[in-house]
Amino acid sequence: MTHTLDEIKGFEQQLGLIVQKLNALRPSLILQTDPMVIFKLEADIAQLEIQQRDLQKLLSEAYNLGSDSGQTRLREKIKDLKISAPMGRIHLVNCNRQDVRDRFEEGFDNKKRMGAANHFYFMSACPTQLPPSLGERMVYEMLGDLLDESMNAVHCRFDPKNHDRVKLEKFPFGYSLEKSQDMFREFCAGWFGWDDRQPFAEAIAANRLPLARHKYSVLPFYLRKNDWKSFFPEYFDWLAEQLAARPPGGPTLLVFLVFYHENLHQERDEKSTEILAAVDALCGKHPNAGHFYPLDPVHLADLRYWFTDLGEHNTARLDPVFRTLAEGLPEEELAQFRQSQKLNMDRVELVQELVFDIYNK
């Protein structure tokens, strides 16, 4: 159920009064000796504790960042901030991950020096850490920092329903290696606008991958751990070899493949271990491939630095945002936050999206 901000404030006031009453009654119960008075105090305390639990549950639902009321409450705190720097799509994805970003830049430079015509980047992480956003950040920062190019230099699909951000595609695969290879050929025909009757090898040999009018082409895919098939290592091998067969000197292809592993930042089961080892082996075999994992939760300090880069330096205005953010976390994530001051990236990005929406109107 969605509640207005006034209703939420009313619930908070009620809860505060109940806590005050309980704090007054409990010491009285300890000191009391009259059985009838003790009975009455115990009944009153029990009733107040029920009301307290009900209000705490109601407020927990109202604070939840997945609810309209929770996001509205957070928006009200964000509106008090002083954001002075211009915001672009990069600000939806550029919080933390600096060490991974540096590794990507180093690997990208090495691949360029090797003359690699195609690059493969595998990202294995829990969905809560938003590995697609890391790939998206790499695209934006690569174009801006490394290549000094506009987005017109890259061939990629964008999602108009999601701030025109990079659109992630389901990795094409079927019940067998041969079926999967056919599906990838069909995907490329649709992606690059090829005549689907043209043999795949001919299209690659003609250096039509990617489209000649773009200097770079980004193919962003995703897979879930449960999608894994025994023939995937052979499939990835074939893919790398096919794309490497085209003549050098043409445009550069960047393949990002996100592997979703639930809770990978906390534990690794047997299947995840098998998949990670297979991907590592592929990257060891193909020097133009790299593997990034796991992605850990983000420290609150990094979100604070993100706001600082946007022009808001005042802790007195930022702290209410962070308190409201923490109050809207599920119990498990709130425990993580209290213990280590860390937030899952999906929560961080929710804040980034709200700031982006508010200050780009």
Protein backbone atom coordinates (compact mmCIF):
# COMPACT_ATOMS: atom_id res chain seq x y z
CA MET A 1 0.00 0.00 0.00
CA THR A 2 1.27 3.48 -0.86
CA HIS A 3 1.12 6.21 1.79
CA THR A 4 1.51 9.96 1.49
CA LEU A 5 4.37 11.76 3.22
CA ASP A 6 1.89 13.29 5.69
CA GLU A 7 0.54 9.83 6.56
CA ILE A 8 4.09 8.53 7.07
CA LYS A 9 4.89 11.47 9.38
CA GLY A 10 1.73 10.69 11.34
CA PHE A 11 2.76 7.05 11.75
CA GLU A 12 6.22 8.16 12.91
CA GLN A 13 4.65 10.46 15.53
CA GLN A 14 2.39 7.65 16.76
CA LEU A 15 5.36 5.31 17.05
CA GLY A 16 7.32 7.95 18.95
CA LEU A 17 4.50 8.36 21.49
CA ILE A 18 4.23 4.60 21.96
CA VAL A 19 7.98 4.33 22.58
CA GLN A 20 7.74 7.12 25.17
CA LYS A 21 4.90 5.33 26.97
CA LEU A 22 6.77 2.03 26.96
CA ASN A 23 9.89 3.73 28.33
CA ALA A 24 7.78 5.12 31.18
CA LEU A 25 5.78 1.95 31.96
CA ARG A 26 8.59 -0.63 31.94
CA PRO A 27 10.54 0.90 34.86
CA SER A 28 7.26 1.22 36.80
CA LEU A 29 6.59 -2.48 36.29
CA ILE A 30 9.96 -3.41 37.75
CA LEU A 31 9.35 -1.36 40.89
CA GLN A 32 5.70 -2.36 41.40
CA THR A 33 4.67 -4.89 44.12
CA ASP A 34 0.86 -4.72 43.95
CA PRO A 35 -0.38 -7.78 41.93
CA MET A 36 -3.39 -5.93 40.52
CA VAL A 37 -1.25 -3.00 39.36
CA ILE A 38 1.33 -5.39 37.91
CA PHE A 39 -1.41 -7.18 35.96
CA LYS A 40 -2.70 -3.86 34.59
CA LEU A 41 0.78 -2.65 33.63
CA GLU A 42 1.64 -5.92 31.88
CA ALA A 43 -1.60 -5.75 29.88
CA ASP A 44 -0.95 -2.13 28.90
CA ILE A 45 2.65 -2.88 27.89
CA ALA A 46 1.61 -5.92 25.84
CA GLN A 47 -1.00 -3.84 24.00
CA LEU A 48 1.49 -1.06 23.30
CA GLU A 49 4.08 -3.58 22.06
CA ILE A 50 1.53 -4.95 19.57
CA GLN A 51 0.84 -1.42 18.34
CA GLN A 52 4.59 -0.76 18.15
CA ARG A 53 5.21 -3.87 16.00
CA ASP A 54 2.28 -3.02 13.72
CA LEU A 55 3.52 0.53 13.19
CA GLN A 56 7.11 -0.60 12.65
CA LYS A 57 5.92 -3.07 10.01
CA LEU A 58 3.75 -0.42 8.36
CA LEU A 59 6.63 2.08 8.32
CA SER A 60 9.04 -0.54 7.03
CA GLU A 61 6.72 -1.09 4.06
CA ALA A 62 6.27 2.66 3.58
CA TYR A 63 10.04 3.26 3.71
CA ASN A 64 10.80 0.42 1.26
CA LEU A 65 12.69 1.86 -1.70
CA GLY A 66 10.77 -0.44 -4.02
CA SER A 67 7.51 1.32 -3.11
CA ASP A 68 6.21 4.64 -4.43
CA SER A 69 6.01 6.08 -0.93
CA GLY A 70 9.58 5.01 -0.15
CA GLN A 71 10.94 6.62 -3.29
CA THR A 72 8.83 9.74 -2.77
CA ARG A 73 10.26 10.07 0.73
CA LEU A 74 13.80 9.75 -0.63
CA ARG A 75 13.06 12.23 -3.41
CA GLU A 76 12.07 14.86 -0.83
CA LYS A 77 15.50 14.58 0.80
CA ILE A 78 17.31 14.64 -2.56
CA LYS A 79 15.49 17.83 -3.59
CA ASP A 80 17.24 19.66 -0.75
CA LEU A 81 20.67 18.98 -2.27
CA LYS A 82 22.68 21.52 -4.23
CA ILE A 83 23.68 19.81 -7.46
CA SER A 84 25.68 22.18 -9.65
CA ALA A 85 27.50 19.93 -12.16
CA PRO A 86 25.73 18.86 -15.36
CA MET A 87 24.53 15.23 -15.35
CA GLY A 88 24.72 12.80 -18.25
CA ARG A 89 24.04 9.09 -18.65
CA ILE A 90 27.49 8.36 -17.25
CA HIS A 91 26.22 9.57 -13.85
CA LEU A 92 23.75 6.69 -13.75
CA VAL A 93 26.56 4.14 -13.61
CA ASN A 94 29.81 5.76 -12.43
CA CYS A 95 29.77 5.20 -8.67
CA ASN A 96 32.80 3.22 -7.43
CA ARG A 97 34.14 0.17 -9.34
CA GLN A 98 37.31 2.21 -9.83
CA ASP A 99 39.61 -0.80 -9.50
CA VAL A 100 37.64 -2.73 -12.11
CA ARG A 101 37.53 0.32 -14.36
CA ASP A 102 41.33 0.59 -14.16
CA ARG A 103 41.71 -3.08 -15.02
CA PHE A 104 39.43 -2.60 -18.02
CA GLU A 105 41.38 0.40 -19.29
CA GLU A 106 44.66 -1.45 -18.92
CA GLY A 107 43.26 -4.50 -20.74
CA PHE A 108 41.74 -2.35 -23.47
CA ASP A 109 45.07 -0.61 -24.09
CA ASN A 110 46.87 -3.96 -24.22
CA LYS A 111 44.38 -5.35 -26.73
CA LYS A 112 44.74 -2.26 -28.91
CA ARG A 113 48.53 -2.63 -28.89
CA MET A 114 48.12 -6.28 -29.88
CA GLY A 115 46.02 -5.17 -32.85
CA ALA A 116 42.96 -7.10 -31.63
CA ALA A 117 39.97 -6.48 -33.88
CA ASN A 118 37.56 -7.80 -31.27
CA HIS A 119 37.43 -7.71 -27.48
CA PHE A 120 35.53 -10.00 -25.10
CA TYR A 121 34.65 -8.92 -21.58
CA PHE A 122 32.92 -11.36 -19.23
CA MET A 123 31.35 -10.05 -16.02
CA SER A 124 30.20 -12.50 -13.37
CA ALA A 125 28.24 -11.07 -10.46
CA CYS A 126 25.08 -11.17 -8.39
CA PRO A 127 22.19 -9.21 -9.96
CA THR A 128 22.15 -6.96 -6.88
CA GLN A 129 25.58 -5.63 -7.92
CA LEU A 130 24.31 -4.66 -11.40
CA PRO A 131 27.12 -5.99 -13.63
CA PRO A 132 25.40 -4.59 -16.78
CA SER A 133 25.93 -1.09 -15.42
CA LEU A 134 29.64 -1.78 -15.15
CA GLY A 135 29.76 -2.73 -18.83
CA GLU A 136 27.75 0.36 -19.68
CA ARG A 137 30.14 2.53 -17.69
CA MET A 138 33.07 1.03 -19.55
CA VAL A 139 31.47 1.96 -22.87
CA TYR A 140 30.82 5.58 -21.83
CA GLU A 141 34.20 6.09 -20.19
CA MET A 142 36.07 4.35 -22.98
CA LEU A 143 34.52 6.72 -25.49
CA GLY A 144 35.00 9.77 -23.32
CA ASP A 145 38.33 9.17 -21.59
CA LEU A 146 40.22 6.82 -23.89
CA LEU A 147 39.00 7.59 -27.36
CA ASP A 148 37.65 11.12 -27.11
CA GLU A 149 34.76 10.10 -29.34
CA SER A 150 31.04 10.91 -29.38
CA MET A 151 28.40 8.21 -29.05
CA ASN A 152 27.96 8.44 -32.83
CA ALA A 153 31.18 6.50 -33.14
CA VAL A 154 29.64 3.38 -31.64
CA HIS A 155 27.03 0.99 -33.00
CA CYS A 156 24.87 -0.06 -30.05
CA ARG A 157 21.20 -0.36 -29.18
CA PHE A 158 19.73 1.97 -26.59
CA ASP A 159 16.53 1.60 -24.58
CA PRO A 160 14.26 4.69 -24.78
CA LYS A 161 12.26 3.37 -21.80
CA ASN A 162 15.36 3.45 -19.58
CA HIS A 163 17.01 6.86 -20.05
CA ASP A 164 18.27 5.73 -23.50
CA ARG A 165 20.80 3.52 -21.79
CA VAL A 166 22.63 0.60 -23.37
CA LYS A 167 20.19 -2.24 -23.99
CA LEU A 168 21.22 -5.68 -22.81
CA GLU A 169 20.36 -8.62 -25.10
CA LYS A 170 19.74 -12.24 -24.12
CA PHE A 171 22.73 -14.26 -25.30
CA PRO A 172 21.57 -16.46 -28.21
CA PHE A 173 21.79 -20.18 -27.48
CA GLY A 174 19.77 -23.33 -28.14
CA TYR A 175 19.70 -26.99 -27.18
CA SER A 176 22.99 -27.82 -28.95
CA LEU A 177 26.22 -26.26 -30.18
CA GLU A 178 25.04 -26.28 -33.79
CA LYS A 179 21.68 -24.72 -32.93
CA SER A 180 23.43 -22.03 -30.86
CA GLN A 181 25.81 -21.21 -33.71
CA ASP A 182 22.86 -20.79 -36.06
CA MET A 183 21.13 -18.52 -33.56
CA PHE A 184 24.22 -16.33 -33.25
CA ARG A 185 24.45 -16.01 -37.04
CA GLU A 186 20.79 -14.94 -37.12
CA PHE A 187 21.38 -12.45 -34.33
CA CYS A 188 24.29 -10.85 -36.22
CA ALA A 189 22.22 -10.64 -39.40
CA GLY A 190 19.55 -8.68 -37.52
CA TRP A 191 22.01 -6.59 -35.50
CA PHE A 192 24.18 -5.50 -38.43
CA GLY A 193 21.54 -5.53 -41.13
CA TRP A 194 23.14 -8.29 -43.16
CA ASP A 195 21.38 -10.30 -45.81
CA ASP A 196 20.56 -13.42 -43.81
CA ARG A 197 21.17 -15.53 -46.92
CA GLN A 198 24.83 -14.51 -46.96
CA PRO A 199 27.13 -17.10 -45.36
CA PHE A 200 28.38 -16.03 -41.95
CA ALA A 201 32.04 -16.56 -42.84
CA GLU A 202 31.69 -14.39 -45.96
CA ALA A 203 30.17 -11.54 -43.99
CA ILE A 204 33.03 -11.65 -41.52
CA ALA A 205 35.68 -11.99 -44.25
CA ALA A 206 34.23 -8.95 -46.01
CA ASN A 207 34.98 -7.00 -42.81
CA ARG A 208 31.32 -6.17 -42.35
CA LEU A 209 31.60 -6.72 -38.63
CA PRO A 210 30.85 -4.23 -37.30
CA LEU A 211 29.21 -1.79 -39.68
CA ALA A 212 31.86 0.22 -41.52
CA ARG A 213 30.24 3.55 -40.68
CA HIS A 214 31.04 3.02 -36.98
CA LYS A 215 34.49 2.83 -35.45
CA TYR A 216 33.21 0.60 -32.67
CA SER A 217 30.37 -1.83 -32.20
CA VAL A 218 29.18 -3.01 -28.78
CA LEU A 219 27.31 -6.29 -28.36
CA PRO A 220 26.07 -6.48 -24.74
CA PHE A 221 24.62 -9.86 -23.71
CA TYR A 222 23.45 -11.47 -20.49
CA LEU A 223 23.16 -15.05 -19.25
CA ARG A 224 21.91 -16.57 -16.02
CA LYS A 225 23.81 -19.24 -14.13
CA ASN A 226 20.96 -21.69 -14.74
CA ASP A 227 21.27 -21.13 -18.52
CA TRP A 228 24.69 -22.77 -18.53
CA LYS A 229 25.08 -25.69 -20.96
CA SER A 230 27.91 -28.20 -21.09
CA PHE A 231 28.80 -27.13 -24.64
CA PHE A 232 29.17 -23.42 -23.76
CA PRO A 233 32.99 -23.50 -23.52
CA GLU A 234 33.11 -24.88 -27.06
CA TYR A 235 30.51 -22.32 -28.16
CA PHE A 236 32.56 -19.41 -26.75
CA ASP A 237 35.67 -20.82 -28.40
CA TRP A 238 33.91 -20.93 -31.76
CA LEU A 239 32.61 -17.41 -31.29
CA ALA A 240 36.06 -16.01 -30.48
CA GLU A 241 37.66 -17.80 -33.41
CA GLN A 242 34.96 -16.76 -35.90
CA LEU A 243 35.16 -13.10 -34.99
CA ALA A 244 38.95 -13.14 -34.92
CA ALA A 245 39.03 -14.48 -38.50
CA ARG A 246 38.08 -11.20 -40.13
CA PRO A 247 40.78 -8.99 -41.70
CA PRO A 248 42.62 -6.55 -39.42
CA GLY A 249 42.42 -2.81 -39.76
CA GLY A 250 38.65 -2.50 -39.65
CA PRO A 251 36.30 -1.28 -36.92
CA THR A 252 36.57 -2.70 -33.40
CA LEU A 253 34.00 -5.04 -31.88
CA LEU A 254 33.40 -5.10 -28.12
CA VAL A 255 31.44 -8.08 -26.74
CA PHE A 256 30.20 -7.77 -23.15
CA LEU A 257 28.68 -10.89 -21.63
CA VAL A 258 27.14 -10.57 -18.17
CA PHE A 259 26.74 -13.75 -16.13
CA TYR A 260 24.20 -13.50 -13.33
CA HIS A 261 25.13 -15.58 -10.27
CA GLU A 262 22.85 -15.08 -7.28
CA ASN A 263 24.83 -14.04 -4.16
CA LEU A 264 28.22 -14.54 -5.83
CA HIS A 265 29.68 -11.78 -3.63
CA GLN A 266 28.72 -13.84 -0.55
CA GLU A 267 29.23 -17.47 -1.55
CA ARG A 268 30.17 -19.66 -4.50
CA ASP A 269 28.43 -22.97 -5.12
CA GLU A 270 29.63 -25.86 -7.26
CA LYS A 271 27.92 -24.66 -10.44
CA SER A 272 29.27 -21.12 -10.14
CA THR A 273 32.75 -22.55 -9.55
CA GLU A 274 32.45 -24.61 -12.75
CA ILE A 275 31.28 -21.64 -14.82
CA LEU A 276 33.91 -19.25 -13.48
CA ALA A 277 36.67 -21.78 -14.17
CA ALA A 278 35.42 -22.31 -17.74
CA VAL A 279 35.33 -18.57 -18.44
CA ASP A 280 38.79 -18.09 -16.90
CA ALA A 281 40.10 -20.89 -19.12
CA LEU A 282 38.64 -19.20 -22.19
CA CYS A 283 40.27 -15.89 -21.23
CA GLY A 284 43.57 -17.69 -20.74
CA LYS A 285 43.31 -19.17 -24.23
CA HIS A 286 42.23 -15.96 -25.97
CA PRO A 287 44.36 -12.92 -25.02
CA ASN A 288 41.68 -10.57 -26.31
CA ALA A 289 39.26 -11.75 -23.57
CA GLY A 290 38.97 -10.59 -19.95
CA HIS A 291 36.93 -11.68 -16.93
CA PHE A 292 35.76 -9.39 -14.12
CA TYR A 293 34.38 -10.88 -10.88
CA PRO A 294 33.06 -10.73 -8.29
CA LEU A 295 31.56 -7.28 -7.90
CA ASP A 296 31.25 -6.29 -4.25
CA PRO A 297 28.80 -3.93 -2.55
CA VAL A 298 29.65 -0.23 -2.63
CA HIS A 299 30.93 1.65 0.40
CA LEU A 300 28.82 4.62 1.48
CA ALA A 301 31.89 6.86 1.16
CA ASP A 302 31.93 6.23 -2.60
CA LEU A 303 28.34 7.45 -2.91
CA ARG A 304 29.31 10.51 -0.90
CA TYR A 305 32.22 11.17 -3.31
CA TRP A 306 29.78 10.77 -6.21
CA PHE A 307 27.65 13.58 -4.78
CA THR A 308 30.78 15.66 -4.16
CA ASP A 309 31.73 15.39 -7.83
CA LEU A 310 28.28 16.76 -8.67
CA GLY A 311 28.86 19.81 -6.49
CA GLU A 312 27.19 18.83 -3.19
CA HIS A 313 29.80 19.00 -0.40
CA ASN A 314 27.54 19.70 2.58
CA THR A 315 27.33 16.75 4.96
CA ALA A 316 24.32 18.27 6.72
CA ARG A 317 22.32 17.99 3.51
CA LEU A 318 23.71 14.58 2.47
CA ASP A 319 23.23 12.77 5.78
CA PRO A 320 19.38 12.93 5.67
CA VAL A 321 19.55 11.32 2.20
CA PHE A 322 21.73 8.50 3.52
CA ARG A 323 19.54 7.98 6.62
CA THR A 324 16.43 7.79 4.46
CA LEU A 325 18.18 5.39 2.11
CA ALA A 326 19.18 3.12 5.03
CA GLU A 327 15.66 3.16 6.50
CA GLY A 328 14.30 1.86 3.19
CA LEU A 329 16.59 -1.19 3.07
CA PRO A 330 15.37 -4.76 3.65
CA GLU A 331 16.49 -6.28 6.95
CA GLU A 332 19.42 -8.26 5.51
CA GLU A 333 20.78 -5.26 3.58
CA LEU A 334 20.28 -2.98 6.58
CA ALA A 335 22.39 -5.37 8.67
CA GLN A 336 25.11 -5.26 6.00
CA PHE A 337 24.96 -1.46 5.99
CA ARG A 338 25.20 -1.19 9.78
CA GLN A 339 28.10 -3.63 9.92
CA SER A 340 30.23 -2.37 7.02
CA GLN A 341 28.62 0.84 5.70
CA LYS A 342 28.15 -0.91 2.35
CA LEU A 343 25.21 -0.84 -0.06
CA ASN A 344 24.31 -3.16 -2.90
CA MET A 345 24.78 -1.45 -6.25
CA ASP A 346 21.09 -1.75 -7.16
CA ARG A 347 20.29 0.55 -4.20
CA VAL A 348 23.07 2.96 -5.15
CA GLU A 349 21.85 3.13 -8.72
CA LEU A 350 18.30 3.79 -7.54
CA VAL A 351 19.63 6.91 -5.81
CA GLN A 352 21.55 7.89 -8.94
CA GLU A 353 18.40 7.52 -11.06
CA LEU A 354 16.34 9.65 -8.68
CA VAL A 355 18.99 12.38 -8.68
CA PHE A 356 19.23 12.19 -12.47
CA ASP A 357 15.45 12.51 -12.88
CA ILE A 358 15.16 15.39 -10.43
CA TYR A 359 18.04 17.50 -11.72
CA ASN A 360 17.48 16.88 -15.44
CA LYS A 361 13.89 18.10 -15.55
